[in-house]
Amino acid sequence: MSTITVEQIRTLWNSPNPKAAIDRGDDFEPVSKDDLSALASGLDTDDEGYPLNDQWQIIADHLNGVTPGEPASTAGDDLLQEIRAARAERDRVKTEADDQFNTVIRAAVASKKAPVTAIAAAADLSRERIYQIRDGRR
């Protein structure tokens, strides 16, 4: 596999030929303009969708990885680690919010100040789901 340079990527990006591609040798598929667009969709771009100057190297690292789709650089590894950390934080916050929501539902049902059907409507859940939450099922 030949190493793809930032300059090759920019040339392909700017090519007026929609079928233009970068040949990566016999073991890998050529890189098409559509491939670049897909990769750039996850990067910082300007208002026209053109990758910012520091983003071209990320695309090159991604394309030059030992395993297709895996970045070859520390910057790429850092980016993947940042994504994993953000996902873990999102999951933690979601779990915490779900727990808090379920606690409020249990307290509302236990208080008997409102009918279960009204609690279900306010929570946008079914009556059955309210009872599952109350009982700690699922």
N, C-alpha and C. Protein backbone atom coordinates (compact mmCIF):
# COMPACT_ATOMS: atom_id res chain seq x y z
N MET A 1 0.85 -1.18 0.00
CA MET A 1 0.00 0.00 0.00
C MET A 1 0.88 1.23 0.00
N SER A 2 0.60 2.14 -0.87
CA SER A 2 1.36 3.38 -0.89
C SER A 2 0.73 4.36 0.10
N THR A 3 1.57 5.19 0.67
CA THR A 3 1.10 6.18 1.63
C THR A 3 0.40 7.31 0.89
N ILE A 4 -0.77 7.65 1.39
CA ILE A 4 -1.54 8.75 0.80
C ILE A 4 -1.15 10.03 1.51
N THR A 5 -0.84 11.05 0.74
CA THR A 5 -0.42 12.33 1.32
C THR A 5 -1.59 13.29 1.41
N VAL A 6 -1.41 14.31 2.24
CA VAL A 6 -2.41 15.36 2.36
C VAL A 6 -2.62 16.03 1.01
N GLU A 7 -1.54 16.22 0.26
CA GLU A 7 -1.65 16.86 -1.05
C GLU A 7 -2.51 16.02 -2.00
N GLN A 8 -2.34 14.71 -1.99
CA GLN A 8 -3.18 13.84 -2.84
C GLN A 8 -4.65 13.96 -2.44
N ILE A 9 -4.90 14.04 -1.16
CA ILE A 9 -6.27 14.14 -0.68
C ILE A 9 -6.90 15.46 -1.13
N ARG A 10 -6.15 16.55 -0.97
CA ARG A 10 -6.66 17.86 -1.41
C ARG A 10 -6.90 17.88 -2.92
N THR A 11 -5.99 17.27 -3.68
CA THR A 11 -6.15 17.22 -5.14
C THR A 11 -7.42 16.45 -5.50
N LEU A 12 -7.63 15.31 -4.86
CA LEU A 12 -8.84 14.54 -5.12
C LEU A 12 -10.08 15.33 -4.72
N TRP A 13 -10.03 15.97 -3.57
CA TRP A 13 -11.17 16.75 -3.08
C TRP A 13 -11.56 17.84 -4.09
N ASN A 14 -10.56 18.50 -4.63
CA ASN A 14 -10.80 19.63 -5.54
C ASN A 14 -11.01 19.21 -6.99
N SER A 15 -10.85 17.94 -7.29
CA SER A 15 -10.99 17.47 -8.67
C SER A 15 -12.42 17.67 -9.18
N PRO A 16 -12.56 18.20 -10.40
CA PRO A 16 -13.90 18.36 -10.97
C PRO A 16 -14.50 17.03 -11.43
N ASN A 17 -13.65 16.01 -11.57
CA ASN A 17 -14.10 14.69 -12.03
C ASN A 17 -14.75 13.94 -10.86
N PRO A 18 -16.06 13.67 -10.91
CA PRO A 18 -16.72 12.98 -9.80
C PRO A 18 -16.26 11.53 -9.62
N LYS A 19 -15.62 10.96 -10.63
CA LYS A 19 -15.13 9.59 -10.54
C LYS A 19 -13.64 9.51 -10.21
N ALA A 20 -13.02 10.64 -9.91
CA ALA A 20 -11.59 10.65 -9.57
C ALA A 20 -11.37 9.81 -8.32
N ALA A 21 -10.17 9.23 -8.22
CA ALA A 21 -9.85 8.37 -7.08
C ALA A 21 -8.34 8.35 -6.86
N ILE A 22 -7.95 7.92 -5.67
CA ILE A 22 -6.53 7.71 -5.35
C ILE A 22 -6.32 6.21 -5.28
N ASP A 23 -5.39 5.70 -6.08
CA ASP A 23 -5.08 4.28 -6.10
C ASP A 23 -4.22 3.94 -4.88
N ARG A 24 -4.64 2.90 -4.13
CA ARG A 24 -3.89 2.50 -2.94
C ARG A 24 -3.23 1.13 -3.11
N GLY A 25 -3.07 0.69 -4.31
CA GLY A 25 -2.41 -0.59 -4.55
C GLY A 25 -3.42 -1.72 -4.65
N ASP A 26 -2.89 -2.94 -4.78
CA ASP A 26 -3.73 -4.11 -5.01
C ASP A 26 -4.51 -4.56 -3.79
N ASP A 27 -4.01 -4.28 -2.59
CA ASP A 27 -4.64 -4.80 -1.38
C ASP A 27 -5.79 -3.94 -0.85
N PHE A 28 -5.90 -2.72 -1.33
CA PHE A 28 -6.92 -1.82 -0.80
C PHE A 28 -7.72 -1.21 -1.93
N GLU A 29 -8.97 -0.91 -1.64
CA GLU A 29 -9.83 -0.23 -2.60
C GLU A 29 -9.30 1.18 -2.85
N PRO A 30 -9.53 1.72 -4.04
CA PRO A 30 -9.15 3.12 -4.28
C PRO A 30 -10.00 4.03 -3.39
N VAL A 31 -9.48 5.21 -3.12
CA VAL A 31 -10.20 6.20 -2.33
C VAL A 31 -10.95 7.10 -3.30
N SER A 32 -12.26 7.18 -3.15
CA SER A 32 -13.08 8.00 -4.04
C SER A 32 -13.43 9.33 -3.37
N LYS A 33 -14.01 10.21 -4.16
CA LYS A 33 -14.48 11.49 -3.61
C LYS A 33 -15.56 11.25 -2.56
N ASP A 34 -16.41 10.24 -2.79
CA ASP A 34 -17.44 9.91 -1.81
C ASP A 34 -16.83 9.45 -0.49
N ASP A 35 -15.73 8.67 -0.58
CA ASP A 35 -15.03 8.24 0.63
C ASP A 35 -14.55 9.44 1.43
N LEU A 36 -13.96 10.41 0.73
CA LEU A 36 -13.47 11.61 1.41
C LEU A 36 -14.61 12.39 2.05
N SER A 37 -15.71 12.51 1.35
CA SER A 37 -16.87 13.22 1.90
C SER A 37 -17.37 12.54 3.16
N ALA A 38 -17.41 11.22 3.13
CA ALA A 38 -17.86 10.48 4.32
C ALA A 38 -16.91 10.70 5.49
N LEU A 39 -15.60 10.65 5.23
CA LEU A 39 -14.63 10.89 6.30
C LEU A 39 -14.72 12.32 6.82
N ALA A 40 -14.91 13.27 5.93
CA ALA A 40 -14.97 14.68 6.33
C ALA A 40 -16.23 15.00 7.11
N SER A 41 -17.25 14.18 6.98
CA SER A 41 -18.50 14.47 7.70
C SER A 41 -18.31 14.41 9.21
N GLY A 42 -17.26 13.73 9.66
CA GLY A 42 -16.99 13.66 11.09
C GLY A 42 -15.93 14.63 11.55
N LEU A 43 -15.51 15.53 10.69
CA LEU A 43 -14.43 16.46 11.02
C LEU A 43 -14.94 17.90 11.05
N ASP A 44 -14.07 18.79 11.49
CA ASP A 44 -14.39 20.22 11.48
C ASP A 44 -14.25 20.74 10.06
N THR A 45 -15.32 21.35 9.56
CA THR A 45 -15.32 21.91 8.21
C THR A 45 -15.79 23.35 8.24
N ASP A 46 -15.54 24.04 7.14
CA ASP A 46 -16.05 25.41 7.03
C ASP A 46 -17.52 25.35 6.60
N ASP A 47 -18.12 26.48 6.35
CA ASP A 47 -19.54 26.54 6.01
C ASP A 47 -19.88 25.82 4.70
N GLU A 48 -18.90 25.66 3.83
CA GLU A 48 -19.13 24.97 2.55
C GLU A 48 -18.82 23.47 2.65
N GLY A 49 -18.46 22.98 3.82
CA GLY A 49 -18.15 21.57 3.99
C GLY A 49 -16.71 21.20 3.67
N TYR A 50 -15.84 22.20 3.48
CA TYR A 50 -14.43 21.98 3.15
C TYR A 50 -13.67 21.80 4.47
N PRO A 51 -12.92 20.70 4.63
CA PRO A 51 -12.19 20.48 5.89
C PRO A 51 -11.26 21.64 6.23
N LEU A 52 -11.20 21.98 7.51
CA LEU A 52 -10.29 23.01 7.97
C LEU A 52 -8.85 22.52 7.81
N ASN A 53 -7.90 23.45 7.78
CA ASN A 53 -6.50 23.11 7.48
C ASN A 53 -5.94 21.98 8.33
N ASP A 54 -6.24 21.97 9.63
CA ASP A 54 -5.66 20.94 10.49
C ASP A 54 -6.37 19.59 10.38
N GLN A 55 -7.44 19.51 9.61
CA GLN A 55 -8.21 18.27 9.51
C GLN A 55 -7.74 17.35 8.38
N TRP A 56 -6.99 17.88 7.42
CA TRP A 56 -6.52 17.07 6.30
C TRP A 56 -5.62 15.92 6.77
N GLN A 57 -4.78 16.18 7.75
CA GLN A 57 -3.87 15.14 8.24
C GLN A 57 -4.66 14.02 8.92
N ILE A 58 -5.76 14.35 9.56
CA ILE A 58 -6.59 13.32 10.19
C ILE A 58 -7.14 12.38 9.13
N ILE A 59 -7.57 12.93 8.00
CA ILE A 59 -8.05 12.09 6.90
C ILE A 59 -6.91 11.20 6.39
N ALA A 60 -5.73 11.78 6.20
CA ALA A 60 -4.58 11.00 5.72
C ALA A 60 -4.24 9.88 6.71
N ASP A 61 -4.21 10.21 8.00
CA ASP A 61 -3.91 9.19 9.02
C ASP A 61 -4.93 8.06 8.97
N HIS A 62 -6.17 8.42 8.80
CA HIS A 62 -7.23 7.42 8.73
C HIS A 62 -7.04 6.50 7.52
N LEU A 63 -6.73 7.08 6.39
CA LEU A 63 -6.55 6.29 5.17
C LEU A 63 -5.27 5.48 5.17
N ASN A 64 -4.26 5.92 5.91
CA ASN A 64 -2.97 5.23 5.93
C ASN A 64 -2.83 4.24 7.07
N GLY A 65 -3.89 4.00 7.81
CA GLY A 65 -3.83 3.07 8.93
C GLY A 65 -3.45 1.68 8.47
N VAL A 66 -2.85 0.90 9.37
CA VAL A 66 -2.46 -0.47 9.06
C VAL A 66 -3.69 -1.30 8.74
N THR A 67 -4.73 -1.11 9.53
CA THR A 67 -6.01 -1.75 9.28
C THR A 67 -6.92 -0.71 8.65
N PRO A 68 -7.54 -1.02 7.52
CA PRO A 68 -8.42 -0.02 6.92
C PRO A 68 -9.46 0.47 7.92
N GLY A 69 -9.60 1.76 8.00
CA GLY A 69 -10.56 2.35 8.92
C GLY A 69 -10.00 2.66 10.28
N GLU A 70 -8.78 2.26 10.57
CA GLU A 70 -8.14 2.55 11.85
C GLU A 70 -7.04 3.57 11.63
N PRO A 71 -7.01 4.64 12.40
CA PRO A 71 -5.98 5.66 12.20
C PRO A 71 -4.59 5.14 12.53
N ALA A 72 -3.59 5.71 11.87
CA ALA A 72 -2.21 5.28 12.08
C ALA A 72 -1.45 6.23 12.99
N SER A 73 -2.06 7.30 13.43
CA SER A 73 -1.32 8.30 14.18
C SER A 73 -1.80 8.41 15.61
N THR A 74 -0.98 9.04 16.42
CA THR A 74 -1.36 9.33 17.79
C THR A 74 -2.56 10.27 17.81
N ALA A 75 -2.59 11.22 16.88
CA ALA A 75 -3.73 12.14 16.81
C ALA A 75 -5.02 11.36 16.58
N GLY A 76 -4.97 10.37 15.71
CA GLY A 76 -6.15 9.54 15.47
C GLY A 76 -6.52 8.73 16.68
N ASP A 77 -5.52 8.15 17.36
CA ASP A 77 -5.78 7.41 18.59
C ASP A 77 -6.38 8.31 19.65
N ASP A 78 -5.86 9.53 19.76
CA ASP A 78 -6.40 10.49 20.73
C ASP A 78 -7.85 10.81 20.41
N LEU A 79 -8.15 10.97 19.14
CA LEU A 79 -9.51 11.27 18.72
C LEU A 79 -10.45 10.11 19.09
N LEU A 80 -10.02 8.88 18.84
CA LEU A 80 -10.84 7.73 19.19
C LEU A 80 -11.03 7.62 20.69
N GLN A 81 -9.98 7.90 21.46
CA GLN A 81 -10.10 7.86 22.91
C GLN A 81 -11.07 8.94 23.40
N GLU A 82 -11.03 10.10 22.78
CA GLU A 82 -11.95 11.18 23.15
C GLU A 82 -13.40 10.76 22.87
N ILE A 83 -13.61 10.07 21.76
CA ILE A 83 -14.95 9.58 21.43
C ILE A 83 -15.41 8.56 22.46
N ARG A 84 -14.52 7.63 22.82
CA ARG A 84 -14.87 6.62 23.82
C ARG A 84 -15.21 7.26 25.17
N ALA A 85 -14.42 8.26 25.56
CA ALA A 85 -14.67 8.95 26.83
C ALA A 85 -16.00 9.69 26.79
N ALA A 86 -16.29 10.34 25.67
CA ALA A 86 -17.57 11.06 25.53
C ALA A 86 -18.74 10.09 25.58
N ARG A 87 -18.57 8.95 24.96
CA ARG A 87 -19.64 7.93 24.98
C ARG A 87 -19.87 7.43 26.40
N ALA A 88 -18.79 7.16 27.13
CA ALA A 88 -18.91 6.69 28.51
C ALA A 88 -19.60 7.74 29.38
N GLU A 89 -19.24 9.01 29.20
CA GLU A 89 -19.86 10.09 29.97
C GLU A 89 -21.34 10.21 29.60
N ARG A 90 -21.66 10.11 28.32
CA ARG A 90 -23.06 10.17 27.90
C ARG A 90 -23.86 9.04 28.53
N ASP A 91 -23.30 7.83 28.52
CA ASP A 91 -23.99 6.69 29.12
C ASP A 91 -24.17 6.88 30.62
N ARG A 92 -23.14 7.44 31.28
CA ARG A 92 -23.22 7.67 32.72
C ARG A 92 -24.33 8.68 33.04
N VAL A 93 -24.36 9.77 32.30
CA VAL A 93 -25.36 10.82 32.53
C VAL A 93 -26.76 10.28 32.24
N LYS A 94 -26.88 9.50 31.17
CA LYS A 94 -28.19 8.94 30.83
C LYS A 94 -28.66 7.99 31.92
N THR A 95 -27.78 7.14 32.42
CA THR A 95 -28.14 6.21 33.48
C THR A 95 -28.55 6.98 34.73
N GLU A 96 -27.79 8.00 35.07
CA GLU A 96 -28.10 8.82 36.24
C GLU A 96 -29.47 9.50 36.07
N ALA A 97 -29.74 10.04 34.90
CA ALA A 97 -31.03 10.69 34.64
C ALA A 97 -32.17 9.68 34.69
N ASP A 98 -31.96 8.48 34.13
CA ASP A 98 -32.99 7.44 34.18
C ASP A 98 -33.28 7.04 35.62
N ASP A 99 -32.22 6.89 36.43
CA ASP A 99 -32.41 6.54 37.84
C ASP A 99 -33.20 7.62 38.57
N GLN A 100 -32.85 8.86 38.33
CA GLN A 100 -33.56 9.98 38.97
C GLN A 100 -35.02 10.01 38.52
N PHE A 101 -35.26 9.82 37.24
CA PHE A 101 -36.62 9.79 36.70
C PHE A 101 -37.43 8.69 37.36
N ASN A 102 -36.84 7.49 37.46
CA ASN A 102 -37.54 6.36 38.07
C ASN A 102 -37.84 6.61 39.54
N THR A 103 -36.93 7.28 40.24
CA THR A 103 -37.15 7.62 41.65
C THR A 103 -38.35 8.56 41.78
N VAL A 104 -38.44 9.54 40.90
CA VAL A 104 -39.57 10.48 40.93
C VAL A 104 -40.88 9.74 40.64
N ILE A 105 -40.87 8.82 39.69
CA ILE A 105 -42.07 8.04 39.37
C ILE A 105 -42.49 7.20 40.57
N ARG A 106 -41.54 6.51 41.20
CA ARG A 106 -41.86 5.68 42.37
C ARG A 106 -42.46 6.52 43.49
N ALA A 107 -41.86 7.68 43.72
CA ALA A 107 -42.36 8.57 44.78
C ALA A 107 -43.77 9.06 44.45
N ALA A 108 -44.02 9.37 43.20
CA ALA A 108 -45.35 9.85 42.80
C ALA A 108 -46.41 8.77 42.99
N VAL A 109 -46.08 7.54 42.60
CA VAL A 109 -47.02 6.44 42.76
C VAL A 109 -47.26 6.18 44.25
N ALA A 110 -46.19 6.16 45.03
CA ALA A 110 -46.30 5.89 46.47
C ALA A 110 -47.09 6.97 47.20
N SER A 111 -47.02 8.20 46.73
CA SER A 111 -47.72 9.30 47.41
C SER A 111 -49.23 9.22 47.26
N LYS A 112 -49.69 8.54 46.23
CA LYS A 112 -51.12 8.40 45.94
C LYS A 112 -51.83 9.75 45.80
N LYS A 113 -51.07 10.79 45.45
CA LYS A 113 -51.64 12.13 45.27
C LYS A 113 -52.19 12.31 43.86
N ALA A 114 -51.81 11.43 42.95
CA ALA A 114 -52.29 11.50 41.57
C ALA A 114 -52.55 10.08 41.09
N PRO A 115 -53.55 9.90 40.25
CA PRO A 115 -53.81 8.56 39.72
C PRO A 115 -52.66 8.09 38.82
N VAL A 116 -52.46 6.79 38.78
CA VAL A 116 -51.39 6.21 37.98
C VAL A 116 -51.55 6.59 36.50
N THR A 117 -52.77 6.68 36.02
CA THR A 117 -52.98 7.07 34.62
C THR A 117 -52.50 8.49 34.37
N ALA A 118 -52.68 9.38 35.34
CA ALA A 118 -52.21 10.76 35.20
C ALA A 118 -50.68 10.81 35.26
N ILE A 119 -50.09 9.99 36.13
CA ILE A 119 -48.62 9.92 36.22
C ILE A 119 -48.07 9.40 34.89
N ALA A 120 -48.70 8.39 34.35
CA ALA A 120 -48.26 7.82 33.06
C ALA A 120 -48.35 8.87 31.96
N ALA A 121 -49.43 9.62 31.94
CA ALA A 121 -49.59 10.66 30.91
C ALA A 121 -48.52 11.74 31.06
N ALA A 122 -48.25 12.16 32.30
CA ALA A 122 -47.24 13.19 32.54
C ALA A 122 -45.85 12.71 32.15
N ALA A 123 -45.59 11.41 32.36
CA ALA A 123 -44.28 10.84 32.05
C ALA A 123 -44.18 10.37 30.61
N ASP A 124 -45.29 10.43 29.88
CA ASP A 124 -45.36 9.94 28.50
C ASP A 124 -44.97 8.47 28.43
N LEU A 125 -45.50 7.70 29.39
CA LEU A 125 -45.28 6.26 29.47
C LEU A 125 -46.62 5.56 29.60
N SER A 126 -46.62 4.26 29.38
CA SER A 126 -47.85 3.50 29.58
C SER A 126 -48.06 3.25 31.07
N ARG A 127 -49.31 2.96 31.42
CA ARG A 127 -49.64 2.64 32.80
C ARG A 127 -48.84 1.41 33.25
N GLU A 128 -48.71 0.45 32.34
CA GLU A 128 -47.97 -0.78 32.65
C GLU A 128 -46.50 -0.47 32.97
N ARG A 129 -45.92 0.45 32.20
CA ARG A 129 -44.51 0.81 32.43
C ARG A 129 -44.34 1.50 33.78
N ILE A 130 -45.33 2.30 34.17
CA ILE A 130 -45.28 2.96 35.49
C ILE A 130 -45.22 1.90 36.58
N TYR A 131 -46.04 0.85 36.45
CA TYR A 131 -46.02 -0.22 37.45
C TYR A 131 -44.70 -0.99 37.43
N GLN A 132 -44.12 -1.17 36.24
CA GLN A 132 -42.80 -1.82 36.17
C GLN A 132 -41.76 -1.00 36.91
N ILE A 133 -41.79 0.31 36.70
CA ILE A 133 -40.83 1.19 37.39
C ILE A 133 -41.07 1.13 38.89
N ARG A 134 -42.34 1.20 39.28
CA ARG A 134 -42.68 1.15 40.71
C ARG A 134 -42.13 -0.12 41.36
N ASP A 135 -42.26 -1.24 40.65
CA ASP A 135 -41.85 -2.53 41.19
C ASP A 135 -40.38 -2.85 40.96
N GLY A 136 -39.66 -1.96 40.25
CA GLY A 136 -38.24 -2.19 39.98
C GLY A 136 -37.99 -3.26 38.94
N ARG A 137 -38.96 -3.48 38.07
CA ARG A 137 -38.80 -4.47 37.00
C ARG A 137 -38.30 -3.77 35.75
N ARG A 138 -37.34 -4.34 35.08
CA ARG A 138 -36.76 -3.86 33.82
C ARG A 138 -36.19 -2.49 33.93
